[in-house]
Amino acid sequence: MRVTAGFEGLEQALAAAAADFRRSAEVAVGKAAEGIQRELREQTRGALGQKTANTWRSNVYANEGSPRGPAALVFSKAPRIIDFFRAERVVTPGGKTAFAIPVNPMIAGRGRKATIKEVEARLGKLEAVPLPSGNIGLFAVPRRAKTLIRRKGARPAERILMFVLVRSIMSRKLIDMESPRQRWSARLPGLLAEAFENSRDHGRGGQ
């Protein structure tokens, strides 16, 4: 005698379980991304201030139909600032000849520090003078004082050091991006199990 057994609705049940698992994975990945973002904001707030800390964002991608499953991206909207402070290294200015370090900064729009061109628009052409350090100083001579010198041949006007031009600077490591990633990656299996259990409890409660 041959005995056969069938499970009605098995395919639907498996599909529903797979969908629950995928949703749970998306929730778990989202919580991990939020945790990484939160830690990076805390680090950045202490090192660089609230404004830069607020630049951290996180996006979750469901990746439906992909065997890789959900994924998340944690990123900063100020990547050049973050990259500068994520490691200790000598930084050179790329295609420019030097970094311009403001010494007596003037304030431009929205509280930012004025550039060399903006300073020269207010104070006139800056004078480049070699410094004992080997760097170049850009000095401002007030326009009124320049006029008096030309008219009277008077003593040199008081110059104000506005910028120091340097060919390279050493960045300091203030932001540790790897440790939060490792911590929350290690917690991901637990987050997934928690999210899946919550999904099952919700399903049982809805029956």
N, C-alpha and C. Protein backbone atom coordinates (compact mmCIF):
# COMPACT_ATOMS: atom_id res chain seq x y z
N MET A 1 0.86 -1.20 0.00
CA MET A 1 0.00 0.00 0.00
C MET A 1 0.88 1.23 0.00
N ARG A 2 0.56 2.10 -0.87
CA ARG A 2 1.34 3.34 -0.96
C ARG A 2 0.56 4.44 -0.26
N VAL A 3 1.28 5.13 0.58
CA VAL A 3 0.67 6.24 1.31
C VAL A 3 1.32 7.53 0.84
N THR A 4 0.54 8.46 0.44
CA THR A 4 1.05 9.77 0.02
C THR A 4 0.45 10.85 0.91
N ALA A 5 1.20 11.87 1.11
CA ALA A 5 0.71 12.99 1.94
C ALA A 5 0.98 14.29 1.21
N GLY A 6 0.07 15.17 1.28
CA GLY A 6 0.23 16.47 0.64
C GLY A 6 0.01 17.58 1.64
N PHE A 7 0.63 18.69 1.43
CA PHE A 7 0.50 19.86 2.30
C PHE A 7 -0.12 20.98 1.49
N GLU A 8 -1.38 21.19 1.72
CA GLU A 8 -2.08 22.21 0.97
C GLU A 8 -1.60 23.60 1.40
N GLY A 9 -1.26 24.40 0.44
CA GLY A 9 -0.82 25.77 0.73
C GLY A 9 0.64 25.88 1.13
N LEU A 10 1.41 24.79 0.91
CA LEU A 10 2.82 24.82 1.32
C LEU A 10 3.60 25.90 0.58
N GLU A 11 3.40 26.00 -0.71
CA GLU A 11 4.15 27.00 -1.48
C GLU A 11 3.83 28.41 -1.00
N GLN A 12 2.53 28.64 -0.72
CA GLN A 12 2.14 29.98 -0.23
C GLN A 12 2.77 30.26 1.13
N ALA A 13 2.82 29.22 1.98
CA ALA A 13 3.39 29.41 3.32
C ALA A 13 4.88 29.71 3.24
N LEU A 14 5.58 28.99 2.36
CA LEU A 14 7.02 29.23 2.20
C LEU A 14 7.28 30.63 1.62
N ALA A 15 6.43 31.02 0.67
CA ALA A 15 6.60 32.36 0.09
C ALA A 15 6.36 33.44 1.14
N ALA A 16 5.35 33.22 1.99
CA ALA A 16 5.05 34.19 3.05
C ALA A 16 6.19 34.26 4.05
N ALA A 17 6.76 33.09 4.39
CA ALA A 17 7.88 33.07 5.34
C ALA A 17 9.10 33.78 4.75
N ALA A 18 9.35 33.56 3.45
CA ALA A 18 10.48 34.23 2.80
C ALA A 18 10.28 35.74 2.78
N ALA A 19 9.03 36.17 2.53
CA ALA A 19 8.74 37.60 2.52
C ALA A 19 8.93 38.19 3.91
N ASP A 20 8.49 37.46 4.95
CA ASP A 20 8.69 37.93 6.33
C ASP A 20 10.17 38.06 6.66
N PHE A 21 10.94 37.07 6.21
CA PHE A 21 12.37 37.09 6.49
C PHE A 21 13.04 38.27 5.80
N ARG A 22 12.66 38.54 4.55
CA ARG A 22 13.25 39.66 3.82
C ARG A 22 12.90 40.98 4.49
N ARG A 23 11.64 41.13 4.90
CA ARG A 23 11.25 42.36 5.61
C ARG A 23 12.00 42.50 6.93
N SER A 24 12.18 41.38 7.62
CA SER A 24 12.92 41.40 8.88
C SER A 24 14.38 41.79 8.64
N ALA A 25 14.96 41.27 7.56
CA ALA A 25 16.34 41.63 7.23
C ALA A 25 16.46 43.12 6.93
N GLU A 26 15.46 43.66 6.25
CA GLU A 26 15.48 45.09 5.95
C GLU A 26 15.40 45.92 7.23
N VAL A 27 14.55 45.47 8.17
CA VAL A 27 14.45 46.17 9.45
C VAL A 27 15.77 46.10 10.21
N ALA A 28 16.38 44.91 10.24
CA ALA A 28 17.64 44.73 10.96
C ALA A 28 18.75 45.59 10.37
N VAL A 29 18.85 45.58 9.04
CA VAL A 29 19.88 46.40 8.38
C VAL A 29 19.64 47.87 8.66
N GLY A 30 18.37 48.29 8.67
CA GLY A 30 18.05 49.69 8.98
C GLY A 30 18.47 50.08 10.38
N LYS A 31 18.23 49.18 11.36
CA LYS A 31 18.63 49.49 12.74
C LYS A 31 20.14 49.56 12.87
N ALA A 32 20.85 48.68 12.17
CA ALA A 32 22.32 48.73 12.20
C ALA A 32 22.82 50.03 11.59
N ALA A 33 22.23 50.44 10.48
CA ALA A 33 22.64 51.69 9.84
C ALA A 33 22.37 52.88 10.75
N GLU A 34 21.23 52.88 11.43
CA GLU A 34 20.92 53.96 12.36
C GLU A 34 21.91 53.99 13.51
N GLY A 35 22.31 52.80 13.97
CA GLY A 35 23.30 52.74 15.05
C GLY A 35 24.65 53.29 14.64
N ILE A 36 25.10 52.92 13.43
CA ILE A 36 26.37 53.45 12.92
C ILE A 36 26.28 54.96 12.77
N GLN A 37 25.19 55.43 12.19
CA GLN A 37 25.01 56.88 12.01
C GLN A 37 25.02 57.61 13.34
N ARG A 38 24.34 57.05 14.33
CA ARG A 38 24.28 57.69 15.65
C ARG A 38 25.67 57.80 16.28
N GLU A 39 26.44 56.71 16.20
CA GLU A 39 27.79 56.73 16.78
C GLU A 39 28.70 57.73 16.06
N LEU A 40 28.60 57.76 14.74
CA LEU A 40 29.43 58.69 13.97
C LEU A 40 29.04 60.14 14.26
N ARG A 41 27.76 60.39 14.44
CA ARG A 41 27.33 61.75 14.80
C ARG A 41 27.88 62.14 16.18
N GLU A 42 27.87 61.20 17.12
CA GLU A 42 28.39 61.50 18.45
C GLU A 42 29.88 61.81 18.39
N GLN A 43 30.62 60.98 17.64
CA GLN A 43 32.06 61.24 17.48
C GLN A 43 32.31 62.62 16.86
N THR A 44 31.60 62.88 15.77
CA THR A 44 31.83 64.11 15.02
C THR A 44 31.41 65.33 15.82
N ARG A 45 30.34 65.22 16.60
CA ARG A 45 29.90 66.34 17.43
C ARG A 45 31.00 66.74 18.41
N GLY A 46 31.63 65.75 19.04
CA GLY A 46 32.68 66.05 20.00
C GLY A 46 33.93 66.61 19.37
N ALA A 47 34.22 66.19 18.13
CA ALA A 47 35.47 66.61 17.48
C ALA A 47 35.32 67.85 16.62
N LEU A 48 34.20 67.96 15.90
CA LEU A 48 34.07 69.00 14.89
C LEU A 48 32.80 69.85 15.04
N GLY A 49 31.96 69.55 16.03
CA GLY A 49 30.79 70.39 16.25
C GLY A 49 29.51 69.80 15.69
N GLN A 50 28.40 70.37 16.14
CA GLN A 50 27.08 69.85 15.79
C GLN A 50 26.79 69.97 14.30
N LYS A 51 27.19 71.06 13.67
CA LYS A 51 26.87 71.27 12.26
C LYS A 51 27.44 70.17 11.39
N THR A 52 28.70 69.82 11.62
CA THR A 52 29.31 68.75 10.83
C THR A 52 28.73 67.40 11.22
N ALA A 53 28.39 67.22 12.49
CA ALA A 53 27.79 65.95 12.93
C ALA A 53 26.47 65.69 12.22
N ASN A 54 25.72 66.75 11.97
CA ASN A 54 24.41 66.60 11.33
C ASN A 54 24.51 66.19 9.86
N THR A 55 25.72 66.19 9.30
CA THR A 55 25.86 65.83 7.89
C THR A 55 25.78 64.32 7.66
N TRP A 56 25.84 63.51 8.73
CA TRP A 56 25.76 62.06 8.56
C TRP A 56 24.35 61.64 8.20
N ARG A 57 24.23 60.77 7.20
CA ARG A 57 22.95 60.26 6.73
C ARG A 57 23.05 58.74 6.57
N SER A 58 21.88 58.09 6.49
CA SER A 58 21.85 56.65 6.21
C SER A 58 20.66 56.34 5.31
N ASN A 59 20.89 55.49 4.33
CA ASN A 59 19.85 55.02 3.42
C ASN A 59 19.81 53.50 3.44
N VAL A 60 18.61 52.93 3.38
CA VAL A 60 18.43 51.48 3.32
C VAL A 60 17.83 51.13 1.97
N TYR A 61 18.39 50.09 1.34
CA TYR A 61 17.94 49.65 0.02
C TYR A 61 17.39 48.23 0.13
N ALA A 62 16.14 48.03 -0.26
CA ALA A 62 15.51 46.72 -0.13
C ALA A 62 16.14 45.70 -1.08
N ASN A 63 16.58 46.13 -2.26
CA ASN A 63 17.18 45.23 -3.25
C ASN A 63 16.28 44.03 -3.55
N GLU A 64 15.00 44.30 -3.75
CA GLU A 64 14.07 43.21 -4.04
C GLU A 64 14.45 42.50 -5.33
N GLY A 65 14.39 41.18 -5.27
CA GLY A 65 14.77 40.38 -6.43
C GLY A 65 16.25 40.06 -6.50
N SER A 66 17.03 40.66 -5.62
CA SER A 66 18.47 40.40 -5.61
C SER A 66 18.81 39.39 -4.52
N PRO A 67 19.65 38.38 -4.82
CA PRO A 67 20.04 37.40 -3.80
C PRO A 67 20.88 38.00 -2.68
N ARG A 68 21.37 39.19 -2.89
CA ARG A 68 22.22 39.82 -1.87
C ARG A 68 21.39 40.32 -0.70
N GLY A 69 20.12 40.58 -0.92
CA GLY A 69 19.26 41.05 0.16
C GLY A 69 19.44 42.53 0.44
N PRO A 70 18.79 43.02 1.50
CA PRO A 70 18.84 44.45 1.83
C PRO A 70 20.26 44.92 2.12
N ALA A 71 20.49 46.19 1.89
CA ALA A 71 21.80 46.80 2.16
C ALA A 71 21.58 48.23 2.64
N ALA A 72 22.58 48.78 3.28
CA ALA A 72 22.48 50.14 3.81
C ALA A 72 23.75 50.91 3.47
N LEU A 73 23.59 52.20 3.35
CA LEU A 73 24.72 53.10 3.09
C LEU A 73 24.69 54.20 4.13
N VAL A 74 25.79 54.35 4.87
CA VAL A 74 25.95 55.44 5.83
C VAL A 74 27.00 56.38 5.26
N PHE A 75 26.67 57.64 5.14
CA PHE A 75 27.56 58.58 4.46
C PHE A 75 27.41 59.98 5.06
N SER A 76 28.38 60.83 4.74
CA SER A 76 28.35 62.22 5.19
C SER A 76 28.15 63.14 3.99
N LYS A 77 27.37 64.18 4.17
CA LYS A 77 27.19 65.17 3.12
C LYS A 77 28.35 66.18 3.10
N ALA A 78 29.32 65.97 3.99
CA ALA A 78 30.56 66.77 3.98
C ALA A 78 31.74 65.81 3.86
N PRO A 79 31.83 65.05 2.77
CA PRO A 79 32.84 63.98 2.69
C PRO A 79 34.28 64.47 2.75
N ARG A 80 34.55 65.65 2.22
CA ARG A 80 35.94 66.15 2.23
C ARG A 80 36.40 66.46 3.65
N ILE A 81 35.51 67.00 4.47
CA ILE A 81 35.86 67.27 5.87
C ILE A 81 36.09 65.97 6.62
N ILE A 82 35.16 65.03 6.46
CA ILE A 82 35.27 63.76 7.17
C ILE A 82 36.52 63.01 6.72
N ASP A 83 36.79 62.99 5.44
CA ASP A 83 37.96 62.27 4.93
C ASP A 83 39.25 62.85 5.50
N PHE A 84 39.27 64.17 5.68
CA PHE A 84 40.48 64.82 6.20
C PHE A 84 40.77 64.35 7.63
N PHE A 85 39.71 64.10 8.42
CA PHE A 85 39.91 63.79 9.84
C PHE A 85 39.72 62.31 10.16
N ARG A 86 39.72 61.45 9.15
CA ARG A 86 39.53 60.02 9.43
C ARG A 86 40.85 59.28 9.57
N ALA A 87 41.99 59.93 9.31
CA ALA A 87 43.29 59.28 9.44
C ALA A 87 44.37 60.32 9.63
N GLU A 88 45.46 59.92 10.24
CA GLU A 88 46.63 60.80 10.38
C GLU A 88 47.52 60.59 9.16
N ARG A 89 47.70 61.63 8.39
CA ARG A 89 48.53 61.54 7.20
C ARG A 89 48.90 62.95 6.73
N VAL A 90 49.94 63.02 5.92
CA VAL A 90 50.33 64.29 5.33
C VAL A 90 49.42 64.54 4.13
N VAL A 91 48.80 65.71 4.11
CA VAL A 91 47.87 66.07 3.05
C VAL A 91 48.47 67.19 2.23
N THR A 92 48.47 67.03 0.92
CA THR A 92 48.92 68.08 0.02
C THR A 92 47.72 68.62 -0.75
N PRO A 93 47.81 69.84 -1.26
CA PRO A 93 46.64 70.49 -1.84
C PRO A 93 46.29 70.10 -3.27
N GLY A 94 46.78 68.98 -3.77
CA GLY A 94 46.41 68.55 -5.11
C GLY A 94 46.95 69.48 -6.17
N GLY A 95 46.07 69.99 -7.02
CA GLY A 95 46.51 70.85 -8.11
C GLY A 95 46.87 72.25 -7.68
N LYS A 96 46.52 72.64 -6.45
CA LYS A 96 46.86 73.97 -5.97
C LYS A 96 48.30 74.01 -5.50
N THR A 97 48.83 75.20 -5.36
CA THR A 97 50.22 75.33 -4.94
C THR A 97 50.39 75.23 -3.44
N ALA A 98 49.35 75.57 -2.66
CA ALA A 98 49.49 75.57 -1.21
C ALA A 98 48.12 75.64 -0.56
N PHE A 99 48.07 75.24 0.71
CA PHE A 99 46.90 75.47 1.54
C PHE A 99 46.97 76.90 2.07
N ALA A 100 45.84 77.57 2.14
CA ALA A 100 45.76 78.91 2.73
C ALA A 100 45.11 78.77 4.11
N ILE A 101 45.91 78.96 5.16
CA ILE A 101 45.43 78.83 6.53
C ILE A 101 45.09 80.22 7.05
N PRO A 102 43.82 80.51 7.36
CA PRO A 102 43.47 81.84 7.87
C PRO A 102 44.03 82.06 9.28
N VAL A 103 44.65 83.19 9.49
CA VAL A 103 45.21 83.55 10.80
C VAL A 103 44.33 84.57 11.50
N ASN A 104 43.93 85.59 10.79
CA ASN A 104 42.97 86.59 11.30
C ASN A 104 41.74 86.55 10.39
N PRO A 105 40.91 85.54 10.56
CA PRO A 105 39.83 85.31 9.58
C PRO A 105 38.79 86.42 9.58
N MET A 106 38.35 86.76 8.38
CA MET A 106 37.22 87.64 8.21
C MET A 106 36.00 86.77 7.90
N ILE A 107 34.84 87.23 8.31
CA ILE A 107 33.62 86.45 8.16
C ILE A 107 32.90 86.87 6.88
N ALA A 108 32.54 85.85 6.09
CA ALA A 108 31.78 86.10 4.86
C ALA A 108 30.33 85.66 5.08
N GLY A 109 29.63 85.31 4.04
CA GLY A 109 28.22 84.95 4.14
C GLY A 109 27.99 83.71 5.00
N ARG A 110 26.90 83.73 5.78
CA ARG A 110 26.47 82.61 6.61
C ARG A 110 27.52 82.17 7.62
N GLY A 111 28.32 83.10 8.07
CA GLY A 111 29.27 82.82 9.13
C GLY A 111 30.53 82.09 8.71
N ARG A 112 30.70 81.80 7.43
CA ARG A 112 31.91 81.11 7.00
C ARG A 112 33.09 82.07 6.90
N LYS A 113 34.29 81.52 6.90
CA LYS A 113 35.50 82.33 6.79
C LYS A 113 35.71 82.79 5.35
N ALA A 114 36.09 84.04 5.20
CA ALA A 114 36.28 84.61 3.86
C ALA A 114 37.49 83.99 3.18
N THR A 115 37.39 83.85 1.86
CA THR A 115 38.51 83.35 1.07
C THR A 115 39.50 84.49 0.81
N ILE A 116 40.63 84.14 0.20
CA ILE A 116 41.63 85.16 -0.12
C ILE A 116 41.03 86.22 -1.04
N LYS A 117 40.30 85.81 -2.06
CA LYS A 117 39.70 86.77 -2.99
C LYS A 117 38.71 87.68 -2.27
N GLU A 118 37.94 87.14 -1.36
CA GLU A 118 36.97 87.95 -0.62
C GLU A 118 37.66 88.95 0.30
N VAL A 119 38.76 88.53 0.91
CA VAL A 119 39.52 89.44 1.77
C VAL A 119 40.12 90.56 0.93
N GLU A 120 40.69 90.21 -0.23
CA GLU A 120 41.30 91.23 -1.08
C GLU A 120 40.25 92.20 -1.62
N ALA A 121 39.02 91.75 -1.81
CA ALA A 121 37.97 92.65 -2.27
C ALA A 121 37.67 93.72 -1.24
N ARG A 122 37.93 93.43 0.03
CA ARG A 122 37.66 94.39 1.10
C ARG A 122 38.89 95.22 1.46
N LEU A 123 40.05 94.56 1.49
CA LEU A 123 41.25 95.21 2.02
C LEU A 123 42.29 95.55 0.97
N GLY A 124 42.05 95.14 -0.27
CA GLY A 124 43.06 95.37 -1.29
C GLY A 124 43.98 94.17 -1.44
N LYS A 125 44.86 94.23 -2.39
CA LYS A 125 45.76 93.13 -2.70
C LYS A 125 46.61 92.76 -1.49
N LEU A 126 46.64 91.48 -1.15
CA LEU A 126 47.47 91.01 -0.04
C LEU A 126 48.92 90.88 -0.50
N GLU A 127 49.83 91.19 0.41
CA GLU A 127 51.25 91.13 0.09
C GLU A 127 51.85 89.82 0.58
N ALA A 128 52.55 89.12 -0.30
CA ALA A 128 53.19 87.86 0.04
C ALA A 128 54.58 88.11 0.60
N VAL A 129 54.83 87.61 1.80
CA VAL A 129 56.11 87.84 2.48
C VAL A 129 56.61 86.49 3.02
N PRO A 130 57.88 86.13 2.75
CA PRO A 130 58.42 84.89 3.31
C PRO A 130 58.46 84.96 4.84
N LEU A 131 58.12 83.86 5.49
CA LEU A 131 58.14 83.78 6.95
C LEU A 131 59.34 82.97 7.41
N PRO A 132 59.78 83.16 8.66
CA PRO A 132 60.92 82.38 9.17
C PRO A 132 60.69 80.88 9.10
N SER A 133 59.45 80.45 9.13
CA SER A 133 59.13 79.02 9.08
C SER A 133 59.39 78.41 7.70
N GLY A 134 59.58 79.27 6.69
CA GLY A 134 59.74 78.79 5.33
C GLY A 134 58.44 78.86 4.54
N ASN A 135 57.34 79.12 5.22
CA ASN A 135 56.06 79.30 4.55
C ASN A 135 55.92 80.73 4.05
N ILE A 136 54.83 81.01 3.39
CA ILE A 136 54.57 82.34 2.86
C ILE A 136 53.40 82.96 3.64
N GLY A 137 53.57 84.19 4.09
CA GLY A 137 52.48 84.91 4.74
C GLY A 137 51.84 85.90 3.80
N LEU A 138 50.52 85.97 3.85
CA LEU A 138 49.79 86.97 3.07
C LEU A 138 49.32 88.05 4.03
N PHE A 139 49.84 89.25 3.85
CA PHE A 139 49.58 90.36 4.76
C PHE A 139 48.65 91.39 4.12
N ALA A 140 47.81 91.95 4.94
CA ALA A 140 46.93 93.04 4.50
C ALA A 140 47.46 94.36 5.01
N VAL A 141 47.47 95.35 4.13
CA VAL A 141 47.79 96.72 4.51
C VAL A 141 46.54 97.54 4.23
N PRO A 142 45.94 98.13 5.25
CA PRO A 142 44.70 98.90 5.02
C PRO A 142 44.87 99.92 3.91
N ARG A 143 43.85 100.08 3.09
CA ARG A 143 43.93 100.96 1.93
C ARG A 143 44.27 102.40 2.32
N ARG A 144 43.71 102.87 3.38
CA ARG A 144 43.98 104.25 3.81
C ARG A 144 45.44 104.44 4.15
N ALA A 145 46.00 103.44 4.83
CA ALA A 145 47.42 103.53 5.18
C ALA A 145 48.29 103.51 3.93
N LYS A 146 47.91 102.70 2.92
CA LYS A 146 48.66 102.67 1.68
C LYS A 146 48.67 104.04 1.01
N THR A 147 47.52 104.71 1.03
CA THR A 147 47.42 106.03 0.42
C THR A 147 48.34 107.03 1.11
N LEU A 148 48.40 107.00 2.44
CA LEU A 148 49.27 107.91 3.20
C LEU A 148 50.74 107.66 2.87
N ILE A 149 51.09 106.39 2.70
CA ILE A 149 52.47 106.06 2.38
C ILE A 149 52.85 106.65 1.02
N ARG A 150 51.98 106.51 0.05
CA ARG A 150 52.28 107.02 -1.28
C ARG A 150 52.39 108.54 -1.27
N ARG A 151 51.55 109.22 -0.48
CA ARG A 151 51.54 110.68 -0.47
C ARG A 151 52.72 111.26 0.30
N LYS A 152 53.04 110.70 1.43
CA LYS A 152 54.01 111.32 2.33
C LYS A 152 55.34 110.56 2.42
N GLY A 153 55.37 109.36 1.86
CA GLY A 153 56.59 108.58 2.04
C GLY A 153 56.79 108.25 3.49
N ALA A 154 55.71 108.03 4.22
CA ALA A 154 55.75 107.80 5.66
C ALA A 154 56.26 106.40 5.97
N ARG A 155 56.33 106.12 7.25
CA ARG A 155 56.78 104.80 7.70
C ARG A 155 55.81 103.74 7.18
N PRO A 156 56.30 102.52 7.03
CA PRO A 156 55.43 101.45 6.54
C PRO A 156 54.21 101.28 7.43
N ALA A 157 53.08 101.10 6.81
CA ALA A 157 51.86 100.88 7.58
C ALA A 157 51.91 99.53 8.27
N GLU A 158 51.19 99.41 9.37
CA GLU A 158 51.15 98.14 10.09
C GLU A 158 50.47 97.08 9.22
N ARG A 159 51.17 96.01 9.00
CA ARG A 159 50.62 94.93 8.20
C ARG A 159 49.96 93.90 9.12
N ILE A 160 48.91 93.30 8.62
CA ILE A 160 48.17 92.30 9.39
C ILE A 160 48.25 90.97 8.65
N LEU A 161 48.76 89.97 9.34
CA LEU A 161 48.88 88.64 8.74
C LEU A 161 47.48 88.02 8.62
N MET A 162 47.06 87.76 7.39
CA MET A 162 45.72 87.23 7.16
C MET A 162 45.74 85.72 6.87
N PHE A 163 46.72 85.27 6.09
CA PHE A 163 46.81 83.86 5.73
C PHE A 163 48.26 83.41 5.77
N VAL A 164 48.45 82.12 6.04
CA VAL A 164 49.75 81.48 5.87
C VAL A 164 49.58 80.39 4.82
N LEU A 165 50.43 80.44 3.79
CA LEU A 165 50.40 79.44 2.73
C LEU A 165 51.37 78.33 3.07
N VAL A 166 50.87 77.11 3.15
CA VAL A 166 51.71 75.95 3.47
C VAL A 166 51.54 74.91 2.37
N ARG A 167 52.61 74.16 2.08
CA ARG A 167 52.57 73.18 1.00
C ARG A 167 51.96 71.86 1.43
N SER A 168 51.97 71.58 2.72
CA SER A 168 51.35 70.34 3.20
C SER A 168 51.02 70.52 4.68
N ILE A 169 50.04 69.76 5.14
CA ILE A 169 49.66 69.78 6.55
C ILE A 169 49.42 68.35 7.00
N MET A 170 49.55 68.12 8.31
CA MET A 170 49.31 66.81 8.89
C MET A 170 47.89 66.76 9.43
N SER A 171 47.10 65.85 8.89
CA SER A 171 45.73 65.70 9.40
C SER A 171 45.74 64.84 10.66
N ARG A 172 44.78 65.08 11.54
CA ARG A 172 44.64 64.32 12.78
C ARG A 172 43.46 63.37 12.65
N LYS A 173 43.61 62.16 13.19
CA LYS A 173 42.51 61.21 13.15
C LYS A 173 41.56 61.53 14.29
N LEU A 174 40.41 62.09 13.95
CA LEU A 174 39.39 62.43 14.92
C LEU A 174 38.13 61.58 14.77
N ILE A 175 37.95 60.97 13.59
CA ILE A 175 36.76 60.20 13.31
C ILE A 175 37.15 58.74 13.04
N ASP A 176 36.63 57.83 13.84
CA ASP A 176 36.88 56.40 13.66
C ASP A 176 35.63 55.79 13.02
N MET A 177 35.70 55.53 11.72
CA MET A 177 34.54 55.00 11.01
C MET A 177 34.47 53.48 11.08
N GLU A 178 35.58 52.81 11.26
CA GLU A 178 35.61 51.35 11.19
C GLU A 178 35.01 50.69 12.44
N SER A 179 35.29 51.23 13.62
CA SER A 179 34.80 50.59 14.85
C SER A 179 33.27 50.51 14.92
N PRO A 180 32.53 51.60 14.63
CA PRO A 180 31.07 51.47 14.61
C PRO A 180 30.58 50.45 13.60
N ARG A 181 31.21 50.41 12.43
CA ARG A 181 30.79 49.44 11.41
C ARG A 181 30.97 48.02 11.92
N GLN A 182 32.11 47.73 12.56
CA GLN A 182 32.37 46.39 13.07
C GLN A 182 31.39 46.02 14.18
N ARG A 183 31.13 46.98 15.10
CA ARG A 183 30.24 46.68 16.22
C ARG A 183 28.83 46.33 15.73
N TRP A 184 28.31 47.14 14.81
CA TRP A 184 26.94 46.91 14.36
C TRP A 184 26.84 45.76 13.38
N SER A 185 27.90 45.44 12.68
CA SER A 185 27.91 44.24 11.84
C SER A 185 27.83 42.99 12.71
N ALA A 186 28.53 43.02 13.84
CA ALA A 186 28.49 41.88 14.75
C ALA A 186 27.11 41.72 15.39
N ARG A 187 26.39 42.83 15.55
CA ARG A 187 25.06 42.76 16.16
C ARG A 187 23.97 42.40 15.16
N LEU A 188 24.30 42.37 13.89
CA LEU A 188 23.29 42.17 12.85
C LEU A 188 22.52 40.85 12.98
N PRO A 189 23.18 39.70 13.26
CA PRO A 189 22.40 38.47 13.42
C PRO A 189 21.36 38.56 14.54
N GLY A 190 21.74 39.18 15.66
CA GLY A 190 20.79 39.34 16.75
C GLY A 190 19.64 40.26 16.37
N LEU A 191 19.94 41.33 15.64
CA LEU A 191 18.89 42.25 15.19
C LEU A 191 17.94 41.55 14.23
N LEU A 192 18.50 40.69 13.38
CA LEU A 192 17.67 39.96 12.42
C LEU A 192 16.75 38.98 13.15
N ALA A 193 17.29 38.25 14.12
CA ALA A 193 16.46 37.31 14.89
C ALA A 193 15.35 38.05 15.64
N GLU A 194 15.68 39.18 16.22
CA GLU A 194 14.69 39.97 16.94
C GLU A 194 13.59 40.47 16.01
N ALA A 195 14.00 40.98 14.85
CA ALA A 195 13.01 41.50 13.90
C ALA A 195 12.12 40.38 13.36
N PHE A 196 12.69 39.20 13.12
CA PHE A 196 11.91 38.08 12.59
C PHE A 196 10.93 37.58 13.64
N GLU A 197 11.36 37.52 14.91
CA GLU A 197 10.47 37.09 15.98
C GLU A 197 9.32 38.07 16.16
N ASN A 198 9.63 39.36 16.10
CA ASN A 198 8.58 40.37 16.21
C ASN A 198 7.58 40.25 15.06
N SER A 199 8.10 39.92 13.87
CA SER A 199 7.22 39.76 12.71
C SER A 199 6.28 38.57 12.92
N ARG A 200 6.81 37.47 13.46
CA ARG A 200 5.98 36.28 13.71
C ARG A 200 4.94 36.56 14.79
N ASP A 201 5.37 37.29 15.86
CA ASP A 201 4.42 37.62 16.92
C ASP A 201 3.29 38.49 16.39
N HIS A 202 3.65 39.43 15.51
CA HIS A 202 2.64 40.30 14.92
C HIS A 202 1.68 39.50 14.04
N GLY A 203 2.25 38.51 13.30
CA GLY A 203 1.40 37.67 12.46
C GLY A 203 0.46 36.82 13.28
N ARG A 204 0.96 36.26 14.39
CA ARG A 204 0.08 35.45 15.24
C ARG A 204 -1.00 36.28 15.90
N GLY A 205 -0.62 37.53 16.24
CA GLY A 205 -1.59 38.40 16.89
C GLY A 205 -2.68 38.82 15.96
N GLY A 206 -2.37 38.81 14.63
CA GLY A 206 -3.36 39.25 13.66
C GLY A 206 -4.29 38.14 13.22
N GLN A 207 -4.03 36.90 13.68
CA GLN A 207 -4.86 35.78 13.28
C GLN A 207 -6.13 35.71 14.12
